Amino acid sequence: MAKVRHVRVRRVYEEARPREDGLRVLVDGVWPRGMKKEDARLDEWAKQVAPSTGLRKWYSHDPDKFGEFAERYRAELAEPEAAEALGRLKERAAGRTLTLLTSVKEEQLDYSHVAVLREELEGG
């Protein structure tokens, strides 16, 4: 299987850039607040690769908990349904640019599930 060429992370609220974005995939478990489906310009909504509601609520974007959050989230990604969805995502994005879309605030992106997911996609 070919590797994902490049993984980008963008907020779903930003205007789509078709020439740069490649495959556009929303990776949040809940639909972004105030966003109409037709305005999102998605290729896919992969909510199966989002952290569980319980994990998301426990973490609450507290940077001090990020290490443990990343470990727990990786364990969730290894569970059958999430692992299958992650594999499909890798297959669809093989050899091209993949843009992970999220509603996470800009200042929290480096400490969010998309940072972990990006690492997983780029690493293997």
PDB file of N, CA and C in Angstrom:
ATOM      1  N   MET A   1       0.836  -1.180   0.000  1.00  0.00           N
ATOM      2  CA  MET A   1       0.000   0.000   0.000  1.00  0.00           C
ATOM      3  C   MET A   1       0.883   1.246   0.000  1.00  0.00           C
ATOM      4  N   ALA A   2       0.572   2.197  -0.873  1.00  0.00           N
ATOM      5  CA  ALA A   2       1.318   3.446  -0.937  1.00  0.00           C
ATOM      6  C   ALA A   2       1.029   4.289   0.300  1.00  0.00           C
ATOM      7  N   LYS A   3       2.018   5.061   0.715  1.00  0.00           N
ATOM      8  CA  LYS A   3       1.848   5.931   1.865  1.00  0.00           C
ATOM      9  C   LYS A   3       1.104   7.197   1.459  1.00  0.00           C
ATOM     10  N   VAL A   4       0.492   7.822   2.452  1.00  0.00           N
ATOM     11  CA  VAL A   4      -0.122   9.126   2.250  1.00  0.00           C
ATOM     12  C   VAL A   4       1.022  10.091   1.941  1.00  0.00           C
ATOM     13  N   ARG A   5       0.884  10.841   0.854  1.00  0.00           N
ATOM     14  CA  ARG A   5       1.960  11.725   0.422  1.00  0.00           C
ATOM     15  C   ARG A   5       2.198  12.863   1.404  1.00  0.00           C
ATOM     16  N   HIS A   6       1.121  13.494   1.834  1.00  0.00           N
ATOM     17  CA  HIS A   6       1.246  14.647   2.718  1.00  0.00           C
ATOM     18  C   HIS A   6      -0.041  14.769   3.524  1.00  0.00           C
ATOM     19  N   VAL A   7       0.079  14.991   4.826  1.00  0.00           N
ATOM     20  CA  VAL A   7      -1.098  15.174   5.669  1.00  0.00           C
ATOM     21  C   VAL A   7      -1.126  16.608   6.157  1.00  0.00           C
ATOM     22  N   ARG A   8      -2.221  17.283   5.843  1.00  0.00           N
ATOM     23  CA  ARG A   8      -2.431  18.658   6.293  1.00  0.00           C
ATOM     24  C   ARG A   8      -3.523  18.653   7.350  1.00  0.00           C
ATOM     25  N   VAL A   9      -3.514  19.663   8.184  1.00  0.00           N
ATOM     26  CA  VAL A   9      -4.564  19.856   9.177  1.00  0.00           C
ATOM     27  C   VAL A   9      -5.114  21.257   8.985  1.00  0.00           C
ATOM     28  N   ARG A  10      -6.444  21.338   8.863  1.00  0.00           N
ATOM     29  CA  ARG A  10      -7.097  22.641   8.696  1.00  0.00           C
ATOM     30  C   ARG A  10      -8.387  22.650   9.486  1.00  0.00           C
ATOM     31  N   ARG A  11      -8.806  23.838   9.837  1.00  0.00           N
ATOM     32  CA  ARG A  11     -10.114  23.979  10.478  1.00  0.00           C
ATOM     33  C   ARG A  11     -11.177  23.890   9.400  1.00  0.00           C
ATOM     34  N   VAL A  12     -12.255  23.202   9.687  1.00  0.00           N
ATOM     35  CA  VAL A  12     -13.323  22.986   8.723  1.00  0.00           C
ATOM     36  C   VAL A  12     -13.992  24.307   8.339  1.00  0.00           C
ATOM     37  N   TYR A  13     -13.853  25.313   9.167  1.00  0.00           N
ATOM     38  CA  TYR A  13     -14.467  26.615   8.910  1.00  0.00           C
ATOM     39  C   TYR A  13     -13.696  27.439   7.872  1.00  0.00           C
ATOM     40  N   GLU A  14     -12.464  27.032   7.579  1.00  0.00           N
ATOM     41  CA  GLU A  14     -11.669  27.740   6.569  1.00  0.00           C
ATOM     42  C   GLU A  14     -12.180  27.387   5.175  1.00  0.00           C
ATOM     43  N   GLU A  15     -11.995  28.297   4.254  1.00  0.00           N
ATOM     44  CA  GLU A  15     -12.424  28.055   2.875  1.00  0.00           C
ATOM     45  C   GLU A  15     -11.622  26.903   2.270  1.00  0.00           C
ATOM     46  N   ALA A  16     -12.314  26.048   1.544  1.00  0.00           N
ATOM     47  CA  ALA A  16     -11.654  24.916   0.889  1.00  0.00           C
ATOM     48  C   ALA A  16     -10.684  25.411  -0.177  1.00  0.00           C
ATOM     49  N   ARG A  17      -9.579  24.685  -0.321  1.00  0.00           N
ATOM     50  CA  ARG A  17      -8.586  24.972  -1.359  1.00  0.00           C
ATOM     51  C   ARG A  17      -8.378  23.695  -2.162  1.00  0.00           C
ATOM     52  N   PRO A  18      -9.271  23.431  -3.122  1.00  0.00           N
ATOM     53  CA  PRO A  18      -9.251  22.155  -3.850  1.00  0.00           C
ATOM     54  C   PRO A  18      -7.896  21.770  -4.438  1.00  0.00           C
ATOM     55  N   ARG A  19      -7.135  22.713  -4.930  1.00  0.00           N
ATOM     56  CA  ARG A  19      -5.835  22.376  -5.544  1.00  0.00           C
ATOM     57  C   ARG A  19      -4.800  21.973  -4.509  1.00  0.00           C
ATOM     58  N   GLU A  20      -4.960  22.429  -3.272  1.00  0.00           N
ATOM     59  CA  GLU A  20      -3.985  22.136  -2.222  1.00  0.00           C
ATOM     60  C   GLU A  20      -4.440  21.037  -1.269  1.00  0.00           C
ATOM     61  N   ASP A  21      -5.740  20.949  -1.049  1.00  0.00           N
ATOM     62  CA  ASP A  21      -6.263  20.080   0.004  1.00  0.00           C
ATOM     63  C   ASP A  21      -6.244  18.593  -0.326  1.00  0.00           C
ATOM     64  N   GLY A  22      -6.366  18.234  -1.570  1.00  0.00           N
ATOM     65  CA  GLY A  22      -6.472  16.818  -1.897  1.00  0.00           C
ATOM     66  C   GLY A  22      -7.754  16.250  -1.320  1.00  0.00           C
ATOM     67  N   LEU A  23      -7.656  15.110  -0.659  1.00  0.00           N
ATOM     68  CA  LEU A  23      -8.800  14.458  -0.027  1.00  0.00           C
ATOM     69  C   LEU A  23      -9.130  15.195   1.269  1.00  0.00           C
ATOM     70  N   ARG A  24     -10.353  15.693   1.377  1.00  0.00           N
ATOM     71  CA  ARG A  24     -10.792  16.470   2.554  1.00  0.00           C
ATOM     72  C   ARG A  24     -11.673  15.587   3.441  1.00  0.00           C
ATOM     73  N   VAL A  25     -11.177  15.325   4.675  1.00  0.00           N
ATOM     74  CA  VAL A  25     -11.874  14.403   5.566  1.00  0.00           C
ATOM     75  C   VAL A  25     -12.072  15.048   6.946  1.00  0.00           C
ATOM     76  N   LEU A  26     -13.327  15.142   7.349  1.00  0.00           N
ATOM     77  CA  LEU A  26     -13.650  15.617   8.694  1.00  0.00           C
ATOM     78  C   LEU A  26     -13.391  14.472   9.663  1.00  0.00           C
ATOM     79  N   VAL A  27     -12.625  14.735  10.722  1.00  0.00           N
ATOM     80  CA  VAL A  27     -12.241  13.680  11.668  1.00  0.00           C
ATOM     81  C   VAL A  27     -12.731  13.971  13.082  1.00  0.00           C
ATOM     82  N   ASP A  28     -13.802  14.742  13.211  1.00  0.00           N
ATOM     83  CA  ASP A  28     -14.433  15.007  14.499  1.00  0.00           C
ATOM     84  C   ASP A  28     -15.597  14.040  14.689  1.00  0.00           C
ATOM     85  N   GLY A  29     -15.908  13.753  15.930  1.00  0.00           N
ATOM     86  CA  GLY A  29     -17.010  12.846  16.226  1.00  0.00           C
ATOM     87  C   GLY A  29     -18.379  13.499  16.166  1.00  0.00           C
ATOM     88  N   VAL A  30     -18.412  14.817  16.266  1.00  0.00           N
ATOM     89  CA  VAL A  30     -19.675  15.552  16.180  1.00  0.00           C
ATOM     90  C   VAL A  30     -19.559  16.590  15.061  1.00  0.00           C
ATOM     91  N   TRP A  31     -20.695  16.895  14.453  1.00  0.00           N
ATOM     92  CA  TRP A  31     -20.709  17.851  13.353  1.00  0.00           C
ATOM     93  C   TRP A  31     -20.334  19.238  13.880  1.00  0.00           C
ATOM     94  N   PRO A  32     -19.522  19.988  13.125  1.00  0.00           N
ATOM     95  CA  PRO A  32     -19.086  21.326  13.560  1.00  0.00           C
ATOM     96  C   PRO A  32     -20.255  22.291  13.742  1.00  0.00           C
ATOM     97  N   ARG A  33     -20.250  22.967  14.851  1.00  0.00           N
ATOM     98  CA  ARG A  33     -21.300  23.919  15.201  1.00  0.00           C
ATOM     99  C   ARG A  33     -21.430  25.017  14.145  1.00  0.00           C
ATOM    100  N   GLY A  34     -22.657  25.240  13.702  1.00  0.00           N
ATOM    101  CA  GLY A  34     -22.942  26.319  12.772  1.00  0.00           C
ATOM    102  C   GLY A  34     -22.554  26.052  11.330  1.00  0.00           C
ATOM    103  N   MET A  35     -22.068  24.869  11.022  1.00  0.00           N
ATOM    104  CA  MET A  35     -21.602  24.544   9.670  1.00  0.00           C
ATOM    105  C   MET A  35     -22.686  23.779   8.923  1.00  0.00           C
ATOM    106  N   LYS A  36     -23.052  24.276   7.755  1.00  0.00           N
ATOM    107  CA  LYS A  36     -23.986  23.547   6.894  1.00  0.00           C
ATOM    108  C   LYS A  36     -23.202  22.477   6.145  1.00  0.00           C
ATOM    109  N   LYS A  37     -23.823  21.324   5.962  1.00  0.00           N
ATOM    110  CA  LYS A  37     -23.132  20.210   5.294  1.00  0.00           C
ATOM    111  C   LYS A  37     -22.608  20.599   3.920  1.00  0.00           C
ATOM    112  N   GLU A  38     -23.392  21.343   3.150  1.00  0.00           N
ATOM    113  CA  GLU A  38     -22.956  21.716   1.807  1.00  0.00           C
ATOM    114  C   GLU A  38     -21.795  22.718   1.822  1.00  0.00           C
ATOM    115  N   ASP A  39     -21.623  23.455   2.920  1.00  0.00           N
ATOM    116  CA  ASP A  39     -20.523  24.425   3.019  1.00  0.00           C
ATOM    117  C   ASP A  39     -19.202  23.776   3.429  1.00  0.00           C
ATOM    118  N   ALA A  40     -19.252  22.582   3.969  1.00  0.00           N
ATOM    119  CA  ALA A  40     -18.041  21.926   4.473  1.00  0.00           C
ATOM    120  C   ALA A  40     -17.128  21.435   3.355  1.00  0.00           C
ATOM    121  N   ARG A  41     -17.682  21.129   2.205  1.00  0.00           N
ATOM    122  CA  ARG A  41     -16.920  20.648   1.052  1.00  0.00           C
ATOM    123  C   ARG A  41     -16.017  19.471   1.424  1.00  0.00           C
ATOM    124  N   LEU A  42     -16.640  18.441   2.009  1.00  0.00           N
ATOM    125  CA  LEU A  42     -15.932  17.237   2.446  1.00  0.00           C
ATOM    126  C   LEU A  42     -15.964  16.161   1.381  1.00  0.00           C
ATOM    127  N   ASP A  43     -14.973  15.298   1.422  1.00  0.00           N
ATOM    128  CA  ASP A  43     -15.020  14.064   0.661  1.00  0.00           C
ATOM    129  C   ASP A  43     -15.545  12.937   1.544  1.00  0.00           C
ATOM    130  N   GLU A  44     -15.342  13.088   2.852  1.00  0.00           N
ATOM    131  CA  GLU A  44     -15.734  12.028   3.784  1.00  0.00           C
ATOM    132  C   GLU A  44     -15.821  12.603   5.192  1.00  0.00           C
ATOM    133  N   TRP A  45     -16.675  11.998   6.002  1.00  0.00           N
ATOM    134  CA  TRP A  45     -16.720  12.283   7.433  1.00  0.00           C
ATOM    135  C   TRP A  45     -16.340  10.992   8.130  1.00  0.00           C
ATOM    136  N   ALA A  46     -15.135  10.921   8.648  1.00  0.00           N
ATOM    137  CA  ALA A  46     -14.609   9.700   9.280  1.00  0.00           C
ATOM    138  C   ALA A  46     -14.725   9.807  10.790  1.00  0.00           C
ATOM    139  N   LYS A  47     -15.955   9.825  11.283  1.00  0.00           N
ATOM    140  CA  LYS A  47     -16.153   9.990  12.721  1.00  0.00           C
ATOM    141  C   LYS A  47     -15.675   8.780  13.521  1.00  0.00           C
ATOM    142  N   GLN A  48     -15.470   7.633  12.851  1.00  0.00           N
ATOM    143  CA  GLN A  48     -14.992   6.433  13.546  1.00  0.00           C
ATOM    144  C   GLN A  48     -13.549   6.591  14.041  1.00  0.00           C
ATOM    145  N   VAL A  49     -12.799   7.555  13.482  1.00  0.00           N
ATOM    146  CA  VAL A  49     -11.414   7.756  13.929  1.00  0.00           C
ATOM    147  C   VAL A  49     -11.297   8.884  14.950  1.00  0.00           C
ATOM    148  N   ALA A  50     -12.418   9.468  15.329  1.00  0.00           N
ATOM    149  CA  ALA A  50     -12.413  10.515  16.358  1.00  0.00           C
ATOM    150  C   ALA A  50     -12.328   9.869  17.739  1.00  0.00           C
ATOM    151  N   PRO A  51     -11.810  10.588  18.718  1.00  0.00           N
ATOM    152  CA  PRO A  51     -11.790  10.033  20.077  1.00  0.00           C
ATOM    153  C   PRO A  51     -13.215   9.834  20.606  1.00  0.00           C
ATOM    154  N   SER A  52     -13.367   8.895  21.503  1.00  0.00           N
ATOM    155  CA  SER A  52     -14.678   8.651  22.107  1.00  0.00           C
ATOM    156  C   SER A  52     -15.127   9.886  22.881  1.00  0.00           C
ATOM    157  N   THR A  53     -16.419   9.976  23.078  1.00  0.00           N
ATOM    158  CA  THR A  53     -16.976  11.100  23.835  1.00  0.00           C
ATOM    159  C   THR A  53     -16.382  11.145  25.239  1.00  0.00           C
ATOM    160  N   GLY A  54     -16.267   9.993  25.873  1.00  0.00           N
ATOM    161  CA  GLY A  54     -15.695   9.942  27.215  1.00  0.00           C
ATOM    162  C   GLY A  54     -14.266  10.450  27.265  1.00  0.00           C
ATOM    163  N   LEU A  55     -13.449  10.036  26.307  1.00  0.00           N
ATOM    164  CA  LEU A  55     -12.055  10.483  26.265  1.00  0.00           C
ATOM    165  C   LEU A  55     -11.986  11.973  25.970  1.00  0.00           C
ATOM    166  N   ARG A  56     -12.784  12.426  25.037  1.00  0.00           N
ATOM    167  CA  ARG A  56     -12.793  13.848  24.671  1.00  0.00           C
ATOM    168  C   ARG A  56     -13.180  14.720  25.869  1.00  0.00           C
ATOM    169  N   LYS A  57     -14.199  14.293  26.597  1.00  0.00           N
ATOM    170  CA  LYS A  57     -14.643  15.064  27.764  1.00  0.00           C
ATOM    171  C   LYS A  57     -13.602  15.027  28.885  1.00  0.00           C
ATOM    172  N   TRP A  58     -12.991  13.857  29.101  1.00  0.00           N
ATOM    173  CA  TRP A  58     -11.953  13.752  30.136  1.00  0.00           C
ATOM    174  C   TRP A  58     -10.793  14.691  29.814  1.00  0.00           C
ATOM    175  N   TYR A  59     -10.377  14.695  28.576  1.00  0.00           N
ATOM    176  CA  TYR A  59      -9.216  15.487  28.165  1.00  0.00           C
ATOM    177  C   TYR A  59      -9.494  16.986  28.231  1.00  0.00           C
ATOM    178  N   SER A  60     -10.598  17.413  27.674  1.00  0.00           N
ATOM    179  CA  SER A  60     -11.022  18.813  27.710  1.00  0.00           C
ATOM    180  C   SER A  60      -9.921  19.784  27.238  1.00  0.00           C
ATOM    181  N   HIS A  61      -9.095  19.348  26.297  1.00  0.00           N
ATOM    182  CA  HIS A  61      -8.013  20.154  25.719  1.00  0.00           C
ATOM    183  C   HIS A  61      -7.073  20.760  26.757  1.00  0.00           C
ATOM    184  N   ASP A  62      -6.787  19.983  27.795  1.00  0.00           N
ATOM    185  CA  ASP A  62      -5.844  20.399  28.832  1.00  0.00           C
ATOM    186  C   ASP A  62      -4.449  19.928  28.410  1.00  0.00           C
ATOM    187  N   PRO A  63      -3.569  20.860  28.005  1.00  0.00           N
ATOM    188  CA  PRO A  63      -2.239  20.466  27.533  1.00  0.00           C
ATOM    189  C   PRO A  63      -1.458  19.595  28.525  1.00  0.00           C
ATOM    190  N   ASP A  64      -1.719  19.744  29.817  1.00  0.00           N
ATOM    191  CA  ASP A  64      -1.027  18.927  30.813  1.00  0.00           C
ATOM    192  C   ASP A  64      -1.407  17.451  30.717  1.00  0.00           C
ATOM    193  N   LYS A  65      -2.577  17.166  30.127  1.00  0.00           N
ATOM    194  CA  LYS A  65      -3.045  15.790  29.984  1.00  0.00           C
ATOM    195  C   LYS A  65      -2.745  15.216  28.599  1.00  0.00           C
ATOM    196  N   PHE A  66      -2.072  15.981  27.739  1.00  0.00           N
ATOM    197  CA  PHE A  66      -1.925  15.562  26.348  1.00  0.00           C
ATOM    198  C   PHE A  66      -1.211  14.223  26.194  1.00  0.00           C
ATOM    199  N   GLY A  67      -0.153  13.992  26.933  1.00  0.00           N
ATOM    200  CA  GLY A  67       0.584  12.729  26.820  1.00  0.00           C
ATOM    201  C   GLY A  67      -0.309  11.528  27.092  1.00  0.00           C
ATOM    202  N   GLU A  68      -1.073  11.596  28.181  1.00  0.00           N
ATOM    203  CA  GLU A  68      -1.973  10.492  28.519  1.00  0.00           C
ATOM    204  C   GLU A  68      -3.125  10.413  27.514  1.00  0.00           C
ATOM    205  N   PHE A  69      -3.617  11.574  27.085  1.00  0.00           N
ATOM    206  CA  PHE A  69      -4.673  11.589  26.071  1.00  0.00           C
ATOM    207  C   PHE A  69      -4.206  10.879  24.804  1.00  0.00           C
ATOM    208  N   ALA A  70      -2.999  11.214  24.330  1.00  0.00           N
ATOM    209  CA  ALA A  70      -2.470  10.620  23.098  1.00  0.00           C
ATOM    210  C   ALA A  70      -2.351   9.107  23.243  1.00  0.00           C
ATOM    211  N   GLU A  71      -1.901   8.652  24.399  1.00  0.00           N
ATOM    212  CA  GLU A  71      -1.766   7.215  24.647  1.00  0.00           C
ATOM    213  C   GLU A  71      -3.141   6.525  24.620  1.00  0.00           C
ATOM    214  N   ARG A  72      -4.118   7.110  25.291  1.00  0.00           N
ATOM    215  CA  ARG A  72      -5.467   6.534  25.323  1.00  0.00           C
ATOM    216  C   ARG A  72      -6.114   6.578  23.930  1.00  0.00           C
ATOM    217  N   TYR A  73      -5.888   7.672  23.227  1.00  0.00           N
ATOM    218  CA  TYR A  73      -6.469   7.807  21.888  1.00  0.00           C
ATOM    219  C   TYR A  73      -5.864   6.785  20.930  1.00  0.00           C
ATOM    220  N   ARG A  74      -4.559   6.563  21.003  1.00  0.00           N
ATOM    221  CA  ARG A  74      -3.924   5.540  20.168  1.00  0.00           C
ATOM    222  C   ARG A  74      -4.494   4.154  20.473  1.00  0.00           C
ATOM    223  N   ALA A  75      -4.793   3.904  21.738  1.00  0.00           N
ATOM    224  CA  ALA A  75      -5.413   2.622  22.107  1.00  0.00           C
ATOM    225  C   ALA A  75      -6.801   2.524  21.471  1.00  0.00           C
ATOM    226  N   GLU A  76      -7.550   3.619  21.444  1.00  0.00           N
ATOM    227  CA  GLU A  76      -8.861   3.608  20.791  1.00  0.00           C
ATOM    228  C   GLU A  76      -8.717   3.377  19.288  1.00  0.00           C
ATOM    229  N   LEU A  77      -7.700   3.977  18.680  1.00  0.00           N
ATOM    230  CA  LEU A  77      -7.482   3.798  17.243  1.00  0.00           C
ATOM    231  C   LEU A  77      -7.113   2.364  16.885  1.00  0.00           C
ATOM    232  N   ALA A  78      -6.618   1.616  17.860  1.00  0.00           N
ATOM    233  CA  ALA A  78      -6.256   0.218  17.621  1.00  0.00           C
ATOM    234  C   ALA A  78      -7.453  -0.720  17.744  1.00  0.00           C
ATOM    235  N   GLU A  79      -8.569  -0.233  18.276  1.00  0.00           N
ATOM    236  CA  GLU A  79      -9.773  -1.056  18.389  1.00  0.00           C
ATOM    237  C   GLU A  79     -10.325  -1.336  16.996  1.00  0.00           C
ATOM    238  N   PRO A  80     -10.987  -2.491  16.803  1.00  0.00           N
ATOM    239  CA  PRO A  80     -11.367  -2.942  15.458  1.00  0.00           C
ATOM    240  C   PRO A  80     -12.078  -1.912  14.562  1.00  0.00           C
ATOM    241  N   GLU A  81     -13.121  -1.272  15.036  1.00  0.00           N
ATOM    242  CA  GLU A  81     -13.862  -0.340  14.175  1.00  0.00           C
ATOM    243  C   GLU A  81     -13.003   0.857  13.761  1.00  0.00           C
ATOM    244  N   ALA A  82     -12.279   1.425  14.719  1.00  0.00           N
ATOM    245  CA  ALA A  82     -11.417   2.567  14.417  1.00  0.00           C
ATOM    246  C   ALA A  82     -10.244   2.152  13.533  1.00  0.00           C
ATOM    247  N   ALA A  83      -9.653   0.991  13.814  1.00  0.00           N
ATOM    248  CA  ALA A  83      -8.519   0.509  13.016  1.00  0.00           C
ATOM    249  C   ALA A  83      -8.942   0.275  11.567  1.00  0.00           C
ATOM    250  N   GLU A  84     -10.133  -0.267  11.381  1.00  0.00           N
ATOM    251  CA  GLU A  84     -10.640  -0.487  10.028  1.00  0.00           C
ATOM    252  C   GLU A  84     -10.866   0.843   9.304  1.00  0.00           C
ATOM    253  N   ALA A  85     -11.450   1.807   9.999  1.00  0.00           N
ATOM    254  CA  ALA A  85     -11.696   3.129   9.408  1.00  0.00           C
ATOM    255  C   ALA A  85     -10.376   3.835   9.089  1.00  0.00           C
ATOM    256  N   LEU A  86      -9.396   3.706   9.968  1.00  0.00           N
ATOM    257  CA  LEU A  86      -8.080   4.299   9.740  1.00  0.00           C
ATOM    258  C   LEU A  86      -7.416   3.660   8.523  1.00  0.00           C
ATOM    259  N   GLY A  87      -7.531   2.350   8.394  1.00  0.00           N
ATOM    260  CA  GLY A  87      -6.988   1.642   7.231  1.00  0.00           C
ATOM    261  C   GLY A  87      -7.634   2.106   5.935  1.00  0.00           C
ATOM    262  N   ARG A  88      -8.964   2.267   5.947  1.00  0.00           N
ATOM    263  CA  ARG A  88      -9.674   2.765   4.754  1.00  0.00           C
ATOM    264  C   ARG A  88      -9.211   4.166   4.398  1.00  0.00           C
ATOM    265  N   LEU A  89      -9.013   4.993   5.419  1.00  0.00           N
ATOM    266  CA  LEU A  89      -8.557   6.355   5.191  1.00  0.00           C
ATOM    267  C   LEU A  89      -7.169   6.357   4.553  1.00  0.00           C
ATOM    268  N   LYS A  90      -6.285   5.504   5.034  1.00  0.00           N
ATOM    269  CA  LYS A  90      -4.942   5.392   4.465  1.00  0.00           C
ATOM    270  C   LYS A  90      -5.017   4.940   3.006  1.00  0.00           C
ATOM    271  N   GLU A  91      -5.884   3.977   2.723  1.00  0.00           N
ATOM    272  CA  GLU A  91      -6.047   3.495   1.346  1.00  0.00           C
ATOM    273  C   GLU A  91      -6.556   4.596   0.426  1.00  0.00           C
ATOM    274  N   ARG A  92      -7.574   5.322   0.866  1.00  0.00           N
ATOM    275  CA  ARG A  92      -8.150   6.385   0.029  1.00  0.00           C
ATOM    276  C   ARG A  92      -7.149   7.508  -0.227  1.00  0.00           C
ATOM    277  N   ALA A  93      -6.274   7.762   0.742  1.00  0.00           N
ATOM    278  CA  ALA A  93      -5.340   8.877   0.634  1.00  0.00           C
ATOM    279  C   ALA A  93      -3.974   8.471   0.083  1.00  0.00           C
ATOM    280  N   ALA A  94      -3.791   7.202  -0.215  1.00  0.00           N
ATOM    281  CA  ALA A  94      -2.484   6.705  -0.672  1.00  0.00           C
ATOM    282  C   ALA A  94      -1.990   7.489  -1.879  1.00  0.00           C
ATOM    283  N   GLY A  95      -0.774   7.984  -1.775  1.00  0.00           N
ATOM    284  CA  GLY A  95      -0.127   8.677  -2.881  1.00  0.00           C
ATOM    285  C   GLY A  95      -0.624  10.085  -3.132  1.00  0.00           C
ATOM    286  N   ARG A  96      -1.442  10.616  -2.243  1.00  0.00           N
ATOM    287  CA  ARG A  96      -1.961  11.962  -2.453  1.00  0.00           C
ATOM    288  C   ARG A  96      -1.971  12.751  -1.154  1.00  0.00           C
ATOM    289  N   THR A  97      -2.357  13.996  -1.254  1.00  0.00           N
ATOM    290  CA  THR A  97      -2.475  14.846  -0.074  1.00  0.00           C
ATOM    291  C   THR A  97      -3.790  14.548   0.635  1.00  0.00           C
ATOM    292  N   LEU A  98      -3.729  14.492   1.940  1.00  0.00           N
ATOM    293  CA  LEU A  98      -4.899  14.287   2.783  1.00  0.00           C
ATOM    294  C   LEU A  98      -5.014  15.484   3.711  1.00  0.00           C
ATOM    295  N   THR A  99      -6.172  16.110   3.733  1.00  0.00           N
ATOM    296  CA  THR A  99      -6.415  17.212   4.657  1.00  0.00           C
ATOM    297  C   THR A  99      -7.401  16.760   5.711  1.00  0.00           C
ATOM    298  N   LEU A 100      -6.920  16.741   6.962  1.00  0.00           N
ATOM    299  CA  LEU A 100      -7.769  16.401   8.097  1.00  0.00           C
ATOM    300  C   LEU A 100      -8.468  17.675   8.536  1.00  0.00           C
ATOM    301  N   LEU A 101      -9.783  17.635   8.567  1.00  0.00           N
ATOM    302  CA  LEU A 101     -10.573  18.798   8.945  1.00  0.00           C
ATOM    303  C   LEU A 101     -11.131  18.619  10.348  1.00  0.00           C
ATOM    304  N   THR A 102     -11.118  19.701  11.113  1.00  0.00           N
ATOM    305  CA  THR A 102     -11.596  19.661  12.487  1.00  0.00           C
ATOM    306  C   THR A 102     -12.186  21.014  12.867  1.00  0.00           C
ATOM    307  N   SER A 103     -12.978  21.008  13.905  1.00  0.00           N
ATOM    308  CA  SER A 103     -13.507  22.267  14.428  1.00  0.00           C
ATOM    309  C   SER A 103     -12.702  22.742  15.638  1.00  0.00           C
ATOM    310  N   VAL A 104     -11.649  22.028  15.987  1.00  0.00           N
ATOM    311  CA  VAL A 104     -10.787  22.406  17.106  1.00  0.00           C
ATOM    312  C   VAL A 104     -10.243  23.817  16.863  1.00  0.00           C
ATOM    313  N   LYS A 105     -10.203  24.613  17.916  1.00  0.00           N
ATOM    314  CA  LYS A 105      -9.701  25.989  17.811  1.00  0.00           C
ATOM    315  C   LYS A 105      -8.228  25.985  17.406  1.00  0.00           C
ATOM    316  N   GLU A 106      -7.856  26.983  16.640  1.00  0.00           N
ATOM    317  CA  GLU A 106      -6.493  27.109  16.095  1.00  0.00           C
ATOM    318  C   GLU A 106      -5.415  26.917  17.169  1.00  0.00           C
ATOM    319  N   GLU A 107      -5.589  27.565  18.309  1.00  0.00           N
ATOM    320  CA  GLU A 107      -4.555  27.514  19.349  1.00  0.00           C
ATOM    321  C   GLU A 107      -4.484  26.154  20.046  1.00  0.00           C
ATOM    322  N   GLN A 108      -5.434  25.269  19.787  1.00  0.00           N
ATOM    323  CA  GLN A 108      -5.441  23.954  20.422  1.00  0.00           C
ATOM    324  C   GLN A 108      -5.043  22.826  19.471  1.00  0.00           C
ATOM    325  N   LEU A 109      -4.774  23.137  18.218  1.00  0.00           N
ATOM    326  CA  LEU A 109      -4.513  22.088  17.223  1.00  0.00           C
ATOM    327  C   LEU A 109      -3.334  21.187  17.588  1.00  0.00           C
ATOM    328  N   ASP A 110      -2.261  21.767  18.116  1.00  0.00           N
ATOM    329  CA  ASP A 110      -1.076  20.973  18.443  1.00  0.00           C
ATOM    330  C   ASP A 110      -1.305  20.017  19.610  1.00  0.00           C
ATOM    331  N   TYR A 111      -2.373  20.247  20.372  1.00  0.00           N
ATOM    332  CA  TYR A 111      -2.700  19.405  21.525  1.00  0.00           C
ATOM    333  C   TYR A 111      -4.065  18.753  21.345  1.00  0.00           C
ATOM    334  N   SER A 112      -4.358  18.341  20.126  1.00  0.00           N
ATOM    335  CA  SER A 112      -5.667  17.773  19.836  1.00  0.00           C
ATOM    336  C   SER A 112      -5.531  16.385  19.216  1.00  0.00           C
ATOM    337  N   HIS A 113      -6.663  15.758  19.004  1.00  0.00           N
ATOM    338  CA  HIS A 113      -6.670  14.434  18.383  1.00  0.00           C
ATOM    339  C   HIS A 113      -6.111  14.476  16.962  1.00  0.00           C
ATOM    340  N   VAL A 114      -6.248  15.602  16.266  1.00  0.00           N
ATOM    341  CA  VAL A 114      -5.736  15.650  14.894  1.00  0.00           C
ATOM    342  C   VAL A 114      -4.212  15.601  14.859  1.00  0.00           C
ATOM    343  N   ALA A 115      -3.546  16.111  15.889  1.00  0.00           N
ATOM    344  CA  ALA A 115      -2.079  16.013  15.948  1.00  0.00           C
ATOM    345  C   ALA A 115      -1.667  14.547  16.070  1.00  0.00           C
ATOM    346  N   VAL A 116      -2.376  13.793  16.886  1.00  0.00           N
ATOM    347  CA  VAL A 116      -2.080  12.369  17.068  1.00  0.00           C
ATOM    348  C   VAL A 116      -2.430  11.597  15.804  1.00  0.00           C
ATOM    349  N   LEU A 117      -3.587  11.895  15.241  1.00  0.00           N
ATOM    350  CA  LEU A 117      -4.031  11.201  14.035  1.00  0.00           C
ATOM    351  C   LEU A 117      -3.076  11.464  12.877  1.00  0.00           C
ATOM    352  N   ARG A 118      -2.639  12.688  12.728  1.00  0.00           N
ATOM    353  CA  ARG A 118      -1.676  13.024  11.673  1.00  0.00           C
ATOM    354  C   ARG A 118      -0.408  12.195  11.823  1.00  0.00           C
ATOM    355  N   GLU A 119       0.084  12.113  13.051  1.00  0.00           N
ATOM    356  CA  GLU A 119       1.291  11.334  13.328  1.00  0.00           C
ATOM    357  C   GLU A 119       1.084   9.863  12.957  1.00  0.00           C
ATOM    358  N   GLU A 120      -0.068   9.322  13.303  1.00  0.00           N
ATOM    359  CA  GLU A 120      -0.385   7.926  12.971  1.00  0.00           C
ATOM    360  C   GLU A 120      -0.419   7.722  11.448  1.00  0.00           C
ATOM    361  N   LEU A 121      -1.014   8.651  10.736  1.00  0.00           N
ATOM    362  CA  LEU A 121      -1.119   8.534   9.282  1.00  0.00           C
ATOM    363  C   LEU A 121       0.231   8.706   8.596  1.00  0.00           C
ATOM    364  N   GLU A 122       1.048   9.598   9.087  1.00  0.00           N
ATOM    365  CA  GLU A 122       2.362   9.819   8.478  1.00  0.00           C
ATOM    366  C   GLU A 122       3.351   8.725   8.840  1.00  0.00           C
ATOM    367  N   GLY A 123       3.164   8.116  10.001  1.00  0.00           N
ATOM    368  CA  GLY A 123       4.106   7.121  10.480  1.00  0.00           C
ATOM    369  C   GLY A 123       3.872   5.719   9.976  1.00  0.00           C
ATOM    370  N   GLY A 124       2.787   5.509   9.309  1.00  0.00           N
ATOM    371  CA  GLY A 124       2.610   4.141   8.897  1.00  0.00           C
ATOM    372  C   GLY A 124       1.330   3.873   8.236  1.00  0.00           C
TER     373      GLY A 124
END
